[in-house]
Amino acid sequence: MKDYTYTQAMQRLEAILAQLEEGSASVDTLSELVKEAAALVAFCREKLRTTEEEVQKAFEGL
C-alpha cells in the first residue's frame, strides 16, 4: 500500500465507496476496488488503534 496518511486513506476510501454506490465501477475493476477498500479500512483501524495507545501513554505520566 502507498504511504497514506489517515486523511488520505479516508479520502481514497470515500472515493471508492462513491464509485461502488454509483455503479460506475466495471465488473473488471470491482474486485480490485473492494480489495483496496478492505486494505484501506485495515490501515485506518490500525492507525486509530496506535494513535489511541500513544494518547493513553502520553496521559499516563500526568
PDB file of N, CA and C in Angstrom:
ATOM      1  N   MET A   1       0.848  -1.183   0.000  1.00  0.00           N
ATOM      2  CA  MET A   1       0.000   0.000   0.000  1.00  0.00           C
ATOM      3  C   MET A   1       0.886   1.237   0.000  1.00  0.00           C
ATOM      4  N   LYS A   2       0.390   2.254  -0.621  1.00  0.00           N
ATOM      5  CA  LYS A   2       1.123   3.517  -0.656  1.00  0.00           C
ATOM      6  C   LYS A   2       1.268   4.070   0.753  1.00  0.00           C
ATOM      7  N   ASP A   3       2.159   5.021   0.906  1.00  0.00           N
ATOM      8  CA  ASP A   3       2.340   5.673   2.200  1.00  0.00           C
ATOM      9  C   ASP A   3       1.280   6.749   2.373  1.00  0.00           C
ATOM     10  N   TYR A   4       0.109   6.315   2.787  1.00  0.00           N
ATOM     11  CA  TYR A   4      -1.009   7.220   3.000  1.00  0.00           C
ATOM     12  C   TYR A   4      -0.972   7.778   4.413  1.00  0.00           C
ATOM     13  N   THR A   5      -1.484   9.001   4.557  1.00  0.00           N
ATOM     14  CA  THR A   5      -1.836   9.478   5.884  1.00  0.00           C
ATOM     15  C   THR A   5      -3.239   8.962   6.150  1.00  0.00           C
ATOM     16  N   TYR A   6      -3.684   9.086   7.378  1.00  0.00           N
ATOM     17  CA  TYR A   6      -5.040   8.651   7.705  1.00  0.00           C
ATOM     18  C   TYR A   6      -6.050   9.414   6.851  1.00  0.00           C
ATOM     19  N   THR A   7      -5.858  10.715   6.725  1.00  0.00           N
ATOM     20  CA  THR A   7      -6.781  11.547   5.948  1.00  0.00           C
ATOM     21  C   THR A   7      -6.798  11.138   4.484  1.00  0.00           C
ATOM     22  N   GLN A   8      -5.643  10.885   3.920  1.00  0.00           N
ATOM     23  CA  GLN A   8      -5.573  10.457   2.525  1.00  0.00           C
ATOM     24  C   GLN A   8      -6.250   9.107   2.319  1.00  0.00           C
ATOM     25  N   ALA A   9      -6.040   8.203   3.261  1.00  0.00           N
ATOM     26  CA  ALA A   9      -6.657   6.878   3.167  1.00  0.00           C
ATOM     27  C   ALA A   9      -8.177   6.999   3.232  1.00  0.00           C
ATOM     28  N   MET A  10      -8.672   7.853   4.123  1.00  0.00           N
ATOM     29  CA  MET A  10     -10.119   8.044   4.226  1.00  0.00           C
ATOM     30  C   MET A  10     -10.686   8.672   2.955  1.00  0.00           C
ATOM     31  N   GLN A  11      -9.973   9.619   2.389  1.00  0.00           N
ATOM     32  CA  GLN A  11     -10.429  10.246   1.142  1.00  0.00           C
ATOM     33  C   GLN A  11     -10.488   9.226   0.009  1.00  0.00           C
ATOM     34  N   ARG A  12      -9.476   8.386  -0.082  1.00  0.00           N
ATOM     35  CA  ARG A  12      -9.463   7.347  -1.124  1.00  0.00           C
ATOM     36  C   ARG A  12     -10.590   6.348  -0.887  1.00  0.00           C
ATOM     37  N   LEU A  13     -10.805   5.980   0.357  1.00  0.00           N
ATOM     38  CA  LEU A  13     -11.888   5.061   0.692  1.00  0.00           C
ATOM     39  C   LEU A  13     -13.243   5.667   0.322  1.00  0.00           C
ATOM     40  N   GLU A  14     -13.435   6.940   0.609  1.00  0.00           N
ATOM     41  CA  GLU A  14     -14.681   7.613   0.238  1.00  0.00           C
ATOM     42  C   GLU A  14     -14.867   7.640  -1.276  1.00  0.00           C
ATOM     43  N   ALA A  15     -13.781   7.833  -2.014  1.00  0.00           N
ATOM     44  CA  ALA A  15     -13.862   7.842  -3.478  1.00  0.00           C
ATOM     45  C   ALA A  15     -14.245   6.460  -4.007  1.00  0.00           C
ATOM     46  N   ILE A  16     -13.679   5.435  -3.426  1.00  0.00           N
ATOM     47  CA  ILE A  16     -14.020   4.070  -3.845  1.00  0.00           C
ATOM     48  C   ILE A  16     -15.484   3.778  -3.542  1.00  0.00           C
ATOM     49  N   LEU A  17     -15.923   4.151  -2.344  1.00  0.00           N
ATOM     50  CA  LEU A  17     -17.313   3.915  -1.979  1.00  0.00           C
ATOM     51  C   LEU A  17     -18.274   4.654  -2.901  1.00  0.00           C
ATOM     52  N   ALA A  18     -17.905   5.865  -3.292  1.00  0.00           N
ATOM     53  CA  ALA A  18     -18.748   6.620  -4.216  1.00  0.00           C
ATOM     54  C   ALA A  18     -18.861   5.897  -5.554  1.00  0.00           C
ATOM     55  N   GLN A  19     -17.747   5.364  -6.037  1.00  0.00           N
ATOM     56  CA  GLN A  19     -17.767   4.603  -7.291  1.00  0.00           C
ATOM     57  C   GLN A  19     -18.675   3.390  -7.173  1.00  0.00           C
ATOM     58  N   LEU A  20     -18.581   2.691  -6.050  1.00  0.00           N
ATOM     59  CA  LEU A  20     -19.383   1.494  -5.850  1.00  0.00           C
ATOM     60  C   LEU A  20     -20.876   1.844  -5.735  1.00  0.00           C
ATOM     61  N   GLU A  21     -21.176   2.925  -5.020  1.00  0.00           N
ATOM     62  CA  GLU A  21     -22.568   3.345  -4.863  1.00  0.00           C
ATOM     63  C   GLU A  21     -23.178   3.810  -6.177  1.00  0.00           C
ATOM     64  N   GLU A  22     -22.378   4.495  -6.986  1.00  0.00           N
ATOM     65  CA  GLU A  22     -22.866   4.999  -8.274  1.00  0.00           C
ATOM     66  C   GLU A  22     -22.988   3.888  -9.309  1.00  0.00           C
ATOM     67  N   GLY A  23     -22.298   2.807  -9.049  1.00  0.00           N
ATOM     68  CA  GLY A  23     -22.285   1.730 -10.030  1.00  0.00           C
ATOM     69  C   GLY A  23     -21.387   2.038 -11.214  1.00  0.00           C
ATOM     70  N   SER A  24     -20.464   2.986 -11.033  1.00  0.00           N
ATOM     71  CA  SER A  24     -19.590   3.379 -12.133  1.00  0.00           C
ATOM     72  C   SER A  24     -18.377   2.458 -12.295  1.00  0.00           C
ATOM     73  N   ALA A  25     -18.175   1.566 -11.332  1.00  0.00           N
ATOM     74  CA  ALA A  25     -17.055   0.628 -11.433  1.00  0.00           C
ATOM     75  C   ALA A  25     -17.451  -0.532 -12.338  1.00  0.00           C
ATOM     76  N   SER A  26     -16.565  -0.884 -13.229  1.00  0.00           N
ATOM     77  CA  SER A  26     -16.849  -2.014 -14.115  1.00  0.00           C
ATOM     78  C   SER A  26     -16.641  -3.316 -13.361  1.00  0.00           C
ATOM     79  N   VAL A  27     -17.198  -4.362 -13.883  1.00  0.00           N
ATOM     80  CA  VAL A  27     -17.028  -5.683 -13.275  1.00  0.00           C
ATOM     81  C   VAL A  27     -15.548  -6.049 -13.231  1.00  0.00           C
ATOM     82  N   ASP A  28     -14.798  -5.595 -14.215  1.00  0.00           N
ATOM     83  CA  ASP A  28     -13.368  -5.903 -14.281  1.00  0.00           C
ATOM     84  C   ASP A  28     -12.581  -5.260 -13.132  1.00  0.00           C
ATOM     85  N   THR A  29     -13.009  -4.090 -12.683  1.00  0.00           N
ATOM     86  CA  THR A  29     -12.273  -3.396 -11.623  1.00  0.00           C
ATOM     87  C   THR A  29     -12.910  -3.556 -10.248  1.00  0.00           C
ATOM     88  N   LEU A  30     -14.092  -4.109 -10.194  1.00  0.00           N
ATOM     89  CA  LEU A  30     -14.816  -4.229  -8.932  1.00  0.00           C
ATOM     90  C   LEU A  30     -14.013  -4.980  -7.872  1.00  0.00           C
ATOM     91  N   SER A  31     -13.458  -6.110  -8.223  1.00  0.00           N
ATOM     92  CA  SER A  31     -12.693  -6.907  -7.271  1.00  0.00           C
ATOM     93  C   SER A  31     -11.495  -6.132  -6.729  1.00  0.00           C
ATOM     94  N   GLU A  32     -10.789  -5.440  -7.604  1.00  0.00           N
ATOM     95  CA  GLU A  32      -9.617  -4.670  -7.164  1.00  0.00           C
ATOM     96  C   GLU A  32     -10.023  -3.528  -6.246  1.00  0.00           C
ATOM     97  N   LEU A  33     -11.131  -2.869  -6.554  1.00  0.00           N
ATOM     98  CA  LEU A  33     -11.602  -1.773  -5.703  1.00  0.00           C
ATOM     99  C   LEU A  33     -11.996  -2.273  -4.318  1.00  0.00           C
ATOM    100  N   VAL A  34     -12.660  -3.410  -4.276  1.00  0.00           N
ATOM    101  CA  VAL A  34     -13.067  -3.977  -2.988  1.00  0.00           C
ATOM    102  C   VAL A  34     -11.833  -4.377  -2.178  1.00  0.00           C
ATOM    103  N   LYS A  35     -10.838  -4.969  -2.822  1.00  0.00           N
ATOM    104  CA  LYS A  35      -9.600  -5.338  -2.129  1.00  0.00           C
ATOM    105  C   LYS A  35      -8.879  -4.102  -1.603  1.00  0.00           C
ATOM    106  N   GLU A  36      -8.823  -3.067  -2.419  1.00  0.00           N
ATOM    107  CA  GLU A  36      -8.178  -1.824  -1.987  1.00  0.00           C
ATOM    108  C   GLU A  36      -8.931  -1.208  -0.812  1.00  0.00           C
ATOM    109  N   ALA A  37     -10.254  -1.208  -0.894  1.00  0.00           N
ATOM    110  CA  ALA A  37     -11.068  -0.662   0.194  1.00  0.00           C
ATOM    111  C   ALA A  37     -10.832  -1.435   1.488  1.00  0.00           C
ATOM    112  N   ALA A  38     -10.766  -2.749   1.399  1.00  0.00           N
ATOM    113  CA  ALA A  38     -10.524  -3.566   2.590  1.00  0.00           C
ATOM    114  C   ALA A  38      -9.157  -3.247   3.199  1.00  0.00           C
ATOM    115  N   ALA A  39      -8.154  -3.072   2.369  1.00  0.00           N
ATOM    116  CA  ALA A  39      -6.816  -2.727   2.855  1.00  0.00           C
ATOM    117  C   ALA A  39      -6.814  -1.339   3.506  1.00  0.00           C
ATOM    118  N   LEU A  40      -7.553  -0.413   2.922  1.00  0.00           N
ATOM    119  CA  LEU A  40      -7.636   0.934   3.490  1.00  0.00           C
ATOM    120  C   LEU A  40      -8.346   0.924   4.840  1.00  0.00           C
ATOM    121  N   VAL A  41      -9.405   0.135   4.956  1.00  0.00           N
ATOM    122  CA  VAL A  41     -10.109   0.021   6.237  1.00  0.00           C
ATOM    123  C   VAL A  41      -9.174  -0.551   7.299  1.00  0.00           C
ATOM    124  N   ALA A  42      -8.430  -1.577   6.943  1.00  0.00           N
ATOM    125  CA  ALA A  42      -7.478  -2.175   7.888  1.00  0.00           C
ATOM    126  C   ALA A  42      -6.415  -1.161   8.297  1.00  0.00           C
ATOM    127  N   PHE A  43      -5.913  -0.397   7.338  1.00  0.00           N
ATOM    128  CA  PHE A  43      -4.916   0.632   7.623  1.00  0.00           C
ATOM    129  C   PHE A  43      -5.477   1.672   8.590  1.00  0.00           C
ATOM    130  N   CYS A  44      -6.692   2.146   8.320  1.00  0.00           N
ATOM    131  CA  CYS A  44      -7.299   3.168   9.165  1.00  0.00           C
ATOM    132  C   CYS A  44      -7.557   2.646  10.578  1.00  0.00           C
ATOM    133  N   ARG A  45      -8.021   1.429  10.689  1.00  0.00           N
ATOM    134  CA  ARG A  45      -8.245   0.835  12.016  1.00  0.00           C
ATOM    135  C   ARG A  45      -6.944   0.758  12.799  1.00  0.00           C
ATOM    136  N   GLU A  46      -5.890   0.321  12.146  1.00  0.00           N
ATOM    137  CA  GLU A  46      -4.589   0.212  12.806  1.00  0.00           C
ATOM    138  C   GLU A  46      -4.072   1.581  13.217  1.00  0.00           C
ATOM    139  N   LYS A  47      -4.234   2.555  12.360  1.00  0.00           N
ATOM    140  CA  LYS A  47      -3.786   3.917  12.667  1.00  0.00           C
ATOM    141  C   LYS A  47      -4.539   4.459  13.878  1.00  0.00           C
ATOM    142  N   LEU A  48      -5.841   4.230  13.930  1.00  0.00           N
ATOM    143  CA  LEU A  48      -6.629   4.678  15.074  1.00  0.00           C
ATOM    144  C   LEU A  48      -6.203   3.960  16.358  1.00  0.00           C
ATOM    145  N   ARG A  49      -5.944   2.659  16.251  1.00  0.00           N
ATOM    146  CA  ARG A  49      -5.524   1.887  17.414  1.00  0.00           C
ATOM    147  C   ARG A  49      -4.197   2.390  17.964  1.00  0.00           C
ATOM    148  N   THR A  50      -3.226   2.597  17.077  1.00  0.00           N
ATOM    149  CA  THR A  50      -1.913   3.050  17.540  1.00  0.00           C
ATOM    150  C   THR A  50      -1.976   4.480  18.080  1.00  0.00           C
ATOM    151  N   THR A  51      -2.796   5.304  17.470  1.00  0.00           N
ATOM    152  CA  THR A  51      -2.951   6.672  17.957  1.00  0.00           C
ATOM    153  C   THR A  51      -3.572   6.673  19.350  1.00  0.00           C
ATOM    154  N   GLU A  52      -4.575   5.831  19.556  1.00  0.00           N
ATOM    155  CA  GLU A  52      -5.202   5.725  20.872  1.00  0.00           C
ATOM    156  C   GLU A  52      -4.185   5.280  21.922  1.00  0.00           C
ATOM    157  N   GLU A  53      -3.359   4.307  21.576  1.00  0.00           N
ATOM    158  CA  GLU A  53      -2.321   3.832  22.507  1.00  0.00           C
ATOM    159  C   GLU A  53      -1.333   4.950  22.837  1.00  0.00           C
ATOM    160  N   GLU A  54      -0.935   5.721  21.837  1.00  0.00           N
ATOM    161  CA  GLU A  54       0.013   6.808  22.057  1.00  0.00           C
ATOM    162  C   GLU A  54      -0.583   7.889  22.954  1.00  0.00           C
ATOM    163  N   VAL A  55      -1.858   8.189  22.751  1.00  0.00           N
ATOM    164  CA  VAL A  55      -2.531   9.198  23.585  1.00  0.00           C
ATOM    165  C   VAL A  55      -2.630   8.699  25.030  1.00  0.00           C
ATOM    166  N   GLN A  56      -2.995   7.439  25.201  1.00  0.00           N
ATOM    167  CA  GLN A  56      -3.079   6.869  26.550  1.00  0.00           C
ATOM    168  C   GLN A  56      -1.734   6.905  27.243  1.00  0.00           C
ATOM    169  N   LYS A  57      -0.665   6.568  26.526  1.00  0.00           N
ATOM    170  CA  LYS A  57       0.681   6.605  27.115  1.00  0.00           C
ATOM    171  C   LYS A  57       1.073   8.027  27.499  1.00  0.00           C
ATOM    172  N   ALA A  58       0.689   8.996  26.681  1.00  0.00           N
ATOM    173  CA  ALA A  58       1.014  10.380  26.969  1.00  0.00           C
ATOM    174  C   ALA A  58       0.343  10.858  28.249  1.00  0.00           C
ATOM    175  N   PHE A  59      -0.873  10.385  28.501  1.00  0.00           N
ATOM    176  CA  PHE A  59      -1.592  10.815  29.695  1.00  0.00           C
ATOM    177  C   PHE A  59      -1.248  10.003  30.938  1.00  0.00           C
ATOM    178  N   GLU A  60      -0.605   8.866  30.774  1.00  0.00           N
ATOM    179  CA  GLU A  60      -0.206   8.054  31.924  1.00  0.00           C
ATOM    180  C   GLU A  60       0.779   8.791  32.819  1.00  0.00           C
ATOM    181  N   GLY A  61       1.630   9.571  32.234  1.00  0.00           N
ATOM    182  CA  GLY A  61       2.661  10.260  33.004  1.00  0.00           C
ATOM    183  C   GLY A  61       2.191  11.519  33.679  1.00  0.00           C
ATOM    184  N   LEU A  62       0.972  11.910  33.461  1.00  0.00           N
ATOM    185  CA  LEU A  62       0.488  13.159  34.072  1.00  0.00           C
ATOM    186  C   LEU A  62      -0.028  12.968  35.470  1.00  0.00           C
TER     187      LEU A  62
END
